[in-house]
Amino acid sequence: MINKQQTNNYRQKSPSKRFLSILGLCMFAFYFILGLLIIFWKGFPLQIDPTYRTLFGVLLIVYSFMRFARLWQNNFRN
């Protein structure tokens, strides 16, 4: 009974909340992919020391997972 009620609550999101959820997922993907590009792209157009480039890429990936965790809590909280 509770599981069905939770499903109905999730499906009855307003269009603006649904849009913000999709936007949040897109931003998670953007930061994650940007972090990977900065780490692994050898021909990166900005001249940055490889150590700092790796640190910045890891920072972006960690930030993307923080955004995803916040998105998960806001959308799937009881």
PDB file of N, CA and C in Angstrom:
ATOM      1  N   MET A   1       0.820  -1.195   0.000  1.00  0.00           N
ATOM      2  CA  MET A   1       0.000   0.000   0.000  1.00  0.00           C
ATOM      3  C   MET A   1       0.864   1.259   0.000  1.00  0.00           C
ATOM      4  N   ILE A   2       1.879   1.278   0.850  1.00  0.00           N
ATOM      5  CA  ILE A   2       2.749   2.455   0.919  1.00  0.00           C
ATOM      6  C   ILE A   2       3.519   2.619  -0.387  1.00  0.00           C
ATOM      7  N   ASN A   3       3.977   1.510  -0.948  1.00  0.00           N
ATOM      8  CA  ASN A   3       4.751   1.570  -2.184  1.00  0.00           C
ATOM      9  C   ASN A   3       3.913   2.162  -3.319  1.00  0.00           C
ATOM     10  N   LYS A   4       2.647   1.771  -3.401  1.00  0.00           N
ATOM     11  CA  LYS A   4       1.763   2.303  -4.442  1.00  0.00           C
ATOM     12  C   LYS A   4       1.514   3.796  -4.220  1.00  0.00           C
ATOM     13  N   GLN A   5       1.380   4.190  -2.959  1.00  0.00           N
ATOM     14  CA  GLN A   5       1.154   5.597  -2.639  1.00  0.00           C
ATOM     15  C   GLN A   5       2.372   6.440  -3.004  1.00  0.00           C
ATOM     16  N   GLN A   6       3.574   5.927  -2.754  1.00  0.00           N
ATOM     17  CA  GLN A   6       4.792   6.646  -3.118  1.00  0.00           C
ATOM     18  C   GLN A   6       4.901   6.786  -4.624  1.00  0.00           C
ATOM     19  N   THR A   7       4.521   5.757  -5.363  1.00  0.00           N
ATOM     20  CA  THR A   7       4.560   5.806  -6.816  1.00  0.00           C
ATOM     21  C   THR A   7       3.603   6.876  -7.333  1.00  0.00           C
ATOM     22  N   ASN A   8       2.408   6.950  -6.749  1.00  0.00           N
ATOM     23  CA  ASN A   8       1.450   7.969  -7.176  1.00  0.00           C
ATOM     24  C   ASN A   8       1.959   9.371  -6.872  1.00  0.00           C
ATOM     25  N   ASN A   9       2.609   9.560  -5.730  1.00  0.00           N
ATOM     26  CA  ASN A   9       3.161  10.870  -5.401  1.00  0.00           C
ATOM     27  C   ASN A   9       4.249  11.261  -6.384  1.00  0.00           C
ATOM     28  N   TYR A  10       5.061  10.308  -6.797  1.00  0.00           N
ATOM     29  CA  TYR A  10       6.131  10.609  -7.742  1.00  0.00           C
ATOM     30  C   TYR A  10       5.562  10.957  -9.112  1.00  0.00           C
ATOM     31  N   ARG A  11       4.549  10.265  -9.529  1.00  0.00           N
ATOM     32  CA  ARG A  11       3.980  10.512 -10.857  1.00  0.00           C
ATOM     33  C   ARG A  11       3.196  11.818 -10.913  1.00  0.00           C
ATOM     34  N   GLN A  12       2.756  12.326  -9.789  1.00  0.00           N
ATOM     35  CA  GLN A  12       1.938  13.529  -9.781  1.00  0.00           C
ATOM     36  C   GLN A  12       2.775  14.791  -9.606  1.00  0.00           C
ATOM     37  N   LYS A  13       4.000  14.763 -10.060  1.00  0.00           N
ATOM     38  CA  LYS A  13       4.839  15.959 -10.011  1.00  0.00           C
ATOM     39  C   LYS A  13       4.299  17.015 -10.959  1.00  0.00           C
ATOM     40  N   SER A  14       4.493  18.244 -10.573  1.00  0.00           N
ATOM     41  CA  SER A  14       4.095  19.330 -11.463  1.00  0.00           C
ATOM     42  C   SER A  14       5.084  19.403 -12.627  1.00  0.00           C
ATOM     43  N   PRO A  15       4.678  19.980 -13.736  1.00  0.00           N
ATOM     44  CA  PRO A  15       5.592  20.091 -14.879  1.00  0.00           C
ATOM     45  C   PRO A  15       6.864  20.867 -14.549  1.00  0.00           C
ATOM     46  N   SER A  16       6.763  21.866 -13.684  1.00  0.00           N
ATOM     47  CA  SER A  16       7.975  22.627 -13.340  1.00  0.00           C
ATOM     48  C   SER A  16       8.944  21.775 -12.529  1.00  0.00           C
ATOM     49  N   LYS A  17       8.425  20.954 -11.602  1.00  0.00           N
ATOM     50  CA  LYS A  17       9.321  20.073 -10.835  1.00  0.00           C
ATOM     51  C   LYS A  17       9.942  19.016 -11.736  1.00  0.00           C
ATOM     52  N   ARG A  18       9.165  18.515 -12.672  1.00  0.00           N
ATOM     53  CA  ARG A  18       9.693  17.528 -13.603  1.00  0.00           C
ATOM     54  C   ARG A  18      10.792  18.143 -14.466  1.00  0.00           C
ATOM     55  N   PHE A  19      10.569  19.384 -14.926  1.00  0.00           N
ATOM     56  CA  PHE A  19      11.571  20.087 -15.723  1.00  0.00           C
ATOM     57  C   PHE A  19      12.844  20.309 -14.917  1.00  0.00           C
ATOM     58  N   LEU A  20      12.699  20.724 -13.662  1.00  0.00           N
ATOM     59  CA  LEU A  20      13.875  20.954 -12.822  1.00  0.00           C
ATOM     60  C   LEU A  20      14.625  19.656 -12.537  1.00  0.00           C
ATOM     61  N   SER A  21      13.912  18.546 -12.426  1.00  0.00           N
ATOM     62  CA  SER A  21      14.576  17.255 -12.238  1.00  0.00           C
ATOM     63  C   SER A  21      15.407  16.892 -13.467  1.00  0.00           C
ATOM     64  N   ILE A  22      14.832  17.093 -14.639  1.00  0.00           N
ATOM     65  CA  ILE A  22      15.556  16.791 -15.877  1.00  0.00           C
ATOM     66  C   ILE A  22      16.739  17.730 -16.039  1.00  0.00           C
ATOM     67  N   LEU A  23      16.551  19.007 -15.714  1.00  0.00           N
ATOM     68  CA  LEU A  23      17.649  19.967 -15.774  1.00  0.00           C
ATOM     69  C   LEU A  23      18.764  19.586 -14.798  1.00  0.00           C
ATOM     70  N   GLY A  24      18.396  19.123 -13.615  1.00  0.00           N
ATOM     71  CA  GLY A  24      19.386  18.674 -12.641  1.00  0.00           C
ATOM     72  C   GLY A  24      20.186  17.484 -13.155  1.00  0.00           C
ATOM     73  N   LEU A  25      19.519  16.542 -13.810  1.00  0.00           N
ATOM     74  CA  LEU A  25      20.231  15.401 -14.393  1.00  0.00           C
ATOM     75  C   LEU A  25      21.163  15.843 -15.512  1.00  0.00           C
ATOM     76  N   CYS A  26      20.714  16.794 -16.312  1.00  0.00           N
ATOM     77  CA  CYS A  26      21.569  17.305 -17.396  1.00  0.00           C
ATOM     78  C   CYS A  26      22.801  18.012 -16.836  1.00  0.00           C
ATOM     79  N   MET A  27      22.633  18.775 -15.772  1.00  0.00           N
ATOM     80  CA  MET A  27      23.772  19.473 -15.173  1.00  0.00           C
ATOM     81  C   MET A  27      24.740  18.482 -14.527  1.00  0.00           C
ATOM     82  N   PHE A  28      24.198  17.415 -13.909  1.00  0.00           N
ATOM     83  CA  PHE A  28      25.060  16.360 -13.381  1.00  0.00           C
ATOM     84  C   PHE A  28      25.905  15.771 -14.501  1.00  0.00           C
ATOM     85  N   ALA A  29      25.267  15.433 -15.619  1.00  0.00           N
ATOM     86  CA  ALA A  29      25.993  14.853 -16.750  1.00  0.00           C
ATOM     87  C   ALA A  29      27.009  15.840 -17.314  1.00  0.00           C
ATOM     88  N   PHE A  30      26.647  17.124 -17.389  1.00  0.00           N
ATOM     89  CA  PHE A  30      27.550  18.142 -17.912  1.00  0.00           C
ATOM     90  C   PHE A  30      28.819  18.240 -17.074  1.00  0.00           C
ATOM     91  N   TYR A  31      28.672  18.377 -15.760  1.00  0.00           N
ATOM     92  CA  TYR A  31      29.850  18.514 -14.898  1.00  0.00           C
ATOM     93  C   TYR A  31      30.692  17.242 -14.891  1.00  0.00           C
ATOM     94  N   PHE A  32      30.025  16.081 -14.918  1.00  0.00           N
ATOM     95  CA  PHE A  32      30.756  14.817 -14.921  1.00  0.00           C
ATOM     96  C   PHE A  32      31.573  14.669 -16.206  1.00  0.00           C
ATOM     97  N   ILE A  33      30.944  14.933 -17.350  1.00  0.00           N
ATOM     98  CA  ILE A  33      31.644  14.806 -18.636  1.00  0.00           C
ATOM     99  C   ILE A  33      32.733  15.857 -18.765  1.00  0.00           C
ATOM    100  N   LEU A  34      32.474  17.074 -18.297  1.00  0.00           N
ATOM    101  CA  LEU A  34      33.496  18.118 -18.331  1.00  0.00           C
ATOM    102  C   LEU A  34      34.705  17.725 -17.487  1.00  0.00           C
ATOM    103  N   GLY A  35      34.467  17.147 -16.323  1.00  0.00           N
ATOM    104  CA  GLY A  35      35.573  16.681 -15.489  1.00  0.00           C
ATOM    105  C   GLY A  35      36.393  15.606 -16.186  1.00  0.00           C
ATOM    106  N   LEU A  36      35.716  14.661 -16.828  1.00  0.00           N
ATOM    107  CA  LEU A  36      36.434  13.614 -17.561  1.00  0.00           C
ATOM    108  C   LEU A  36      37.221  14.188 -18.732  1.00  0.00           C
ATOM    109  N   LEU A  37      36.627  15.137 -19.453  1.00  0.00           N
ATOM    110  CA  LEU A  37      37.330  15.759 -20.578  1.00  0.00           C
ATOM    111  C   LEU A  37      38.587  16.485 -20.117  1.00  0.00           C
ATOM    112  N   ILE A  38      38.471  17.224 -19.030  1.00  0.00           N
ATOM    113  CA  ILE A  38      39.630  17.965 -18.532  1.00  0.00           C
ATOM    114  C   ILE A  38      40.741  17.010 -18.115  1.00  0.00           C
ATOM    115  N   ILE A  39      40.383  15.883 -17.531  1.00  0.00           N
ATOM    116  CA  ILE A  39      41.407  14.928 -17.086  1.00  0.00           C
ATOM    117  C   ILE A  39      42.055  14.215 -18.269  1.00  0.00           C
ATOM    118  N   PHE A  40      41.258  13.713 -19.203  1.00  0.00           N
ATOM    119  CA  PHE A  40      41.783  12.791 -20.211  1.00  0.00           C
ATOM    120  C   PHE A  40      42.065  13.399 -21.579  1.00  0.00           C
ATOM    121  N   TRP A  41      41.619  14.603 -21.862  1.00  0.00           N
ATOM    122  CA  TRP A  41      41.837  15.199 -23.177  1.00  0.00           C
ATOM    123  C   TRP A  41      43.244  15.778 -23.234  1.00  0.00           C
ATOM    124  N   LYS A  42      44.090  15.146 -24.029  1.00  0.00           N
ATOM    125  CA  LYS A  42      45.499  15.568 -24.115  1.00  0.00           C
ATOM    126  C   LYS A  42      45.659  16.902 -24.829  1.00  0.00           C
ATOM    127  N   GLY A  43      44.813  17.205 -25.791  1.00  0.00           N
ATOM    128  CA  GLY A  43      44.920  18.458 -26.529  1.00  0.00           C
ATOM    129  C   GLY A  43      44.028  19.545 -25.944  1.00  0.00           C
ATOM    130  N   PHE A  44      43.901  19.585 -24.635  1.00  0.00           N
ATOM    131  CA  PHE A  44      43.041  20.580 -23.975  1.00  0.00           C
ATOM    132  C   PHE A  44      43.520  21.980 -24.330  1.00  0.00           C
ATOM    133  N   PRO A  45      42.620  22.869 -24.777  1.00  0.00           N
ATOM    134  CA  PRO A  45      43.049  24.165 -25.320  1.00  0.00           C
ATOM    135  C   PRO A  45      43.718  25.107 -24.314  1.00  0.00           C
ATOM    136  N   LEU A  46      43.474  24.953 -23.032  1.00  0.00           N
ATOM    137  CA  LEU A  46      44.111  25.814 -22.035  1.00  0.00           C
ATOM    138  C   LEU A  46      45.400  25.167 -21.541  1.00  0.00           C
ATOM    139  N   GLN A  47      46.422  25.958 -21.411  1.00  0.00           N
ATOM    140  CA  GLN A  47      47.704  25.449 -20.923  1.00  0.00           C
ATOM    141  C   GLN A  47      47.688  25.436 -19.394  1.00  0.00           C
ATOM    142  N   ILE A  48      47.431  24.272 -18.836  1.00  0.00           N
ATOM    143  CA  ILE A  48      47.388  24.094 -17.386  1.00  0.00           C
ATOM    144  C   ILE A  48      48.352  22.971 -17.029  1.00  0.00           C
ATOM    145  N   ASP A  49      49.027  23.119 -15.911  1.00  0.00           N
ATOM    146  CA  ASP A  49      49.902  22.063 -15.411  1.00  0.00           C
ATOM    147  C   ASP A  49      49.082  20.777 -15.252  1.00  0.00           C
ATOM    148  N   PRO A  50      49.610  19.628 -15.672  1.00  0.00           N
ATOM    149  CA  PRO A  50      48.830  18.378 -15.613  1.00  0.00           C
ATOM    150  C   PRO A  50      48.306  18.037 -14.216  1.00  0.00           C
ATOM    151  N   THR A  51      49.062  18.373 -13.188  1.00  0.00           N
ATOM    152  CA  THR A  51      48.596  18.089 -11.828  1.00  0.00           C
ATOM    153  C   THR A  51      47.350  18.905 -11.505  1.00  0.00           C
ATOM    154  N   TYR A  52      47.384  20.199 -11.829  1.00  0.00           N
ATOM    155  CA  TYR A  52      46.230  21.057 -11.565  1.00  0.00           C
ATOM    156  C   TYR A  52      45.048  20.685 -12.450  1.00  0.00           C
ATOM    157  N   ARG A  53      45.334  20.253 -13.663  1.00  0.00           N
ATOM    158  CA  ARG A  53      44.264  19.834 -14.565  1.00  0.00           C
ATOM    159  C   ARG A  53      43.546  18.609 -13.999  1.00  0.00           C
ATOM    160  N   THR A  54      44.318  17.656 -13.487  1.00  0.00           N
ATOM    161  CA  THR A  54      43.724  16.465 -12.886  1.00  0.00           C
ATOM    162  C   THR A  54      42.929  16.825 -11.636  1.00  0.00           C
ATOM    163  N   LEU A  55      43.486  17.688 -10.801  1.00  0.00           N
ATOM    164  CA  LEU A  55      42.775  18.099  -9.586  1.00  0.00           C
ATOM    165  C   LEU A  55      41.465  18.814  -9.920  1.00  0.00           C
ATOM    166  N   PHE A  56      41.492  19.682 -10.908  1.00  0.00           N
ATOM    167  CA  PHE A  56      40.279  20.396 -11.306  1.00  0.00           C
ATOM    168  C   PHE A  56      39.234  19.430 -11.867  1.00  0.00           C
ATOM    169  N   GLY A  57      39.678  18.455 -12.663  1.00  0.00           N
ATOM    170  CA  GLY A  57      38.756  17.459 -13.200  1.00  0.00           C
ATOM    171  C   GLY A  57      38.117  16.624 -12.106  1.00  0.00           C
ATOM    172  N   VAL A  58      38.923  16.215 -11.128  1.00  0.00           N
ATOM    173  CA  VAL A  58      38.391  15.433 -10.006  1.00  0.00           C
ATOM    174  C   VAL A  58      37.417  16.281  -9.194  1.00  0.00           C
ATOM    175  N   LEU A  59      37.747  17.551  -8.997  1.00  0.00           N
ATOM    176  CA  LEU A  59      36.852  18.450  -8.269  1.00  0.00           C
ATOM    177  C   LEU A  59      35.500  18.573  -8.981  1.00  0.00           C
ATOM    178  N   LEU A  60      35.512  18.681 -10.300  1.00  0.00           N
ATOM    179  CA  LEU A  60      34.255  18.759 -11.051  1.00  0.00           C
ATOM    180  C   LEU A  60      33.448  17.463 -10.937  1.00  0.00           C
ATOM    181  N   ILE A  61      34.131  16.330 -10.954  1.00  0.00           N
ATOM    182  CA  ILE A  61      33.432  15.049 -10.832  1.00  0.00           C
ATOM    183  C   ILE A  61      32.813  14.905  -9.448  1.00  0.00           C
ATOM    184  N   VAL A  62      33.551  15.282  -8.412  1.00  0.00           N
ATOM    185  CA  VAL A  62      33.008  15.224  -7.049  1.00  0.00           C
ATOM    186  C   VAL A  62      31.811  16.161  -6.926  1.00  0.00           C
ATOM    187  N   TYR A  63      31.917  17.358  -7.491  1.00  0.00           N
ATOM    188  CA  TYR A  63      30.814  18.315  -7.455  1.00  0.00           C
ATOM    189  C   TYR A  63      29.587  17.763  -8.183  1.00  0.00           C
ATOM    190  N   SER A  64      29.813  17.071  -9.300  1.00  0.00           N
ATOM    191  CA  SER A  64      28.674  16.509 -10.029  1.00  0.00           C
ATOM    192  C   SER A  64      27.956  15.457  -9.184  1.00  0.00           C
ATOM    193  N   PHE A  65      28.709  14.651  -8.433  1.00  0.00           N
ATOM    194  CA  PHE A  65      28.064  13.651  -7.583  1.00  0.00           C
ATOM    195  C   PHE A  65      27.360  14.295  -6.390  1.00  0.00           C
ATOM    196  N   MET A  66      27.870  15.417  -5.902  1.00  0.00           N
ATOM    197  CA  MET A  66      27.166  16.139  -4.842  1.00  0.00           C
ATOM    198  C   MET A  66      25.834  16.673  -5.360  1.00  0.00           C
ATOM    199  N   ARG A  67      25.834  17.188  -6.578  1.00  0.00           N
ATOM    200  CA  ARG A  67      24.586  17.664  -7.189  1.00  0.00           C
ATOM    201  C   ARG A  67      23.606  16.507  -7.378  1.00  0.00           C
ATOM    202  N   PHE A  68      24.121  15.347  -7.807  1.00  0.00           N
ATOM    203  CA  PHE A  68      23.254  14.194  -8.017  1.00  0.00           C
ATOM    204  C   PHE A  68      22.658  13.717  -6.698  1.00  0.00           C
ATOM    205  N   ALA A  69      23.458  13.711  -5.635  1.00  0.00           N
ATOM    206  CA  ALA A  69      22.952  13.284  -4.329  1.00  0.00           C
ATOM    207  C   ALA A  69      21.848  14.220  -3.845  1.00  0.00           C
ATOM    208  N   ARG A  70      22.032  15.514  -4.034  1.00  0.00           N
ATOM    209  CA  ARG A  70      21.006  16.478  -3.636  1.00  0.00           C
ATOM    210  C   ARG A  70      19.742  16.303  -4.486  1.00  0.00           C
ATOM    211  N   LEU A  71      19.917  16.048  -5.768  1.00  0.00           N
ATOM    212  CA  LEU A  71      18.778  15.807  -6.652  1.00  0.00           C
ATOM    213  C   LEU A  71      18.029  14.553  -6.218  1.00  0.00           C
ATOM    214  N   TRP A  72      18.760  13.505  -5.873  1.00  0.00           N
ATOM    215  CA  TRP A  72      18.163  12.244  -5.434  1.00  0.00           C
ATOM    216  C   TRP A  72      17.362  12.461  -4.150  1.00  0.00           C
ATOM    217  N   GLN A  73      17.938  13.200  -3.200  1.00  0.00           N
ATOM    218  CA  GLN A  73      17.236  13.450  -1.939  1.00  0.00           C
ATOM    219  C   GLN A  73      15.966  14.261  -2.158  1.00  0.00           C
ATOM    220  N   ASN A  74      16.014  15.245  -3.014  1.00  0.00           N
ATOM    221  CA  ASN A  74      14.844  16.092  -3.236  1.00  0.00           C
ATOM    222  C   ASN A  74      13.737  15.376  -3.994  1.00  0.00           C
ATOM    223  N   ASN A  75      14.088  14.426  -4.841  1.00  0.00           N
ATOM    224  CA  ASN A  75      13.073  13.774  -5.672  1.00  0.00           C
ATOM    225  C   ASN A  75      12.550  12.471  -5.105  1.00  0.00           C
ATOM    226  N   PHE A  76      13.343  11.774  -4.303  1.00  0.00           N
ATOM    227  CA  PHE A  76      12.939  10.445  -3.860  1.00  0.00           C
ATOM    228  C   PHE A  76      12.853  10.324  -2.348  1.00  0.00           C
ATOM    229  N   ARG A  77      12.709  11.452  -1.675  1.00  0.00           N
ATOM    230  CA  ARG A  77      12.558  11.444  -0.224  1.00  0.00           C
ATOM    231  C   ARG A  77      11.127  11.046   0.113  1.00  0.00           C
ATOM    232  N   ASN A  78      10.961  10.315   1.205  1.00  0.00           N
ATOM    233  CA  ASN A  78       9.608   9.885   1.620  1.00  0.00           C
ATOM    234  C   ASN A  78       8.792  11.048   2.087  1.00  0.00           C
TER     235      ASN A  78
END
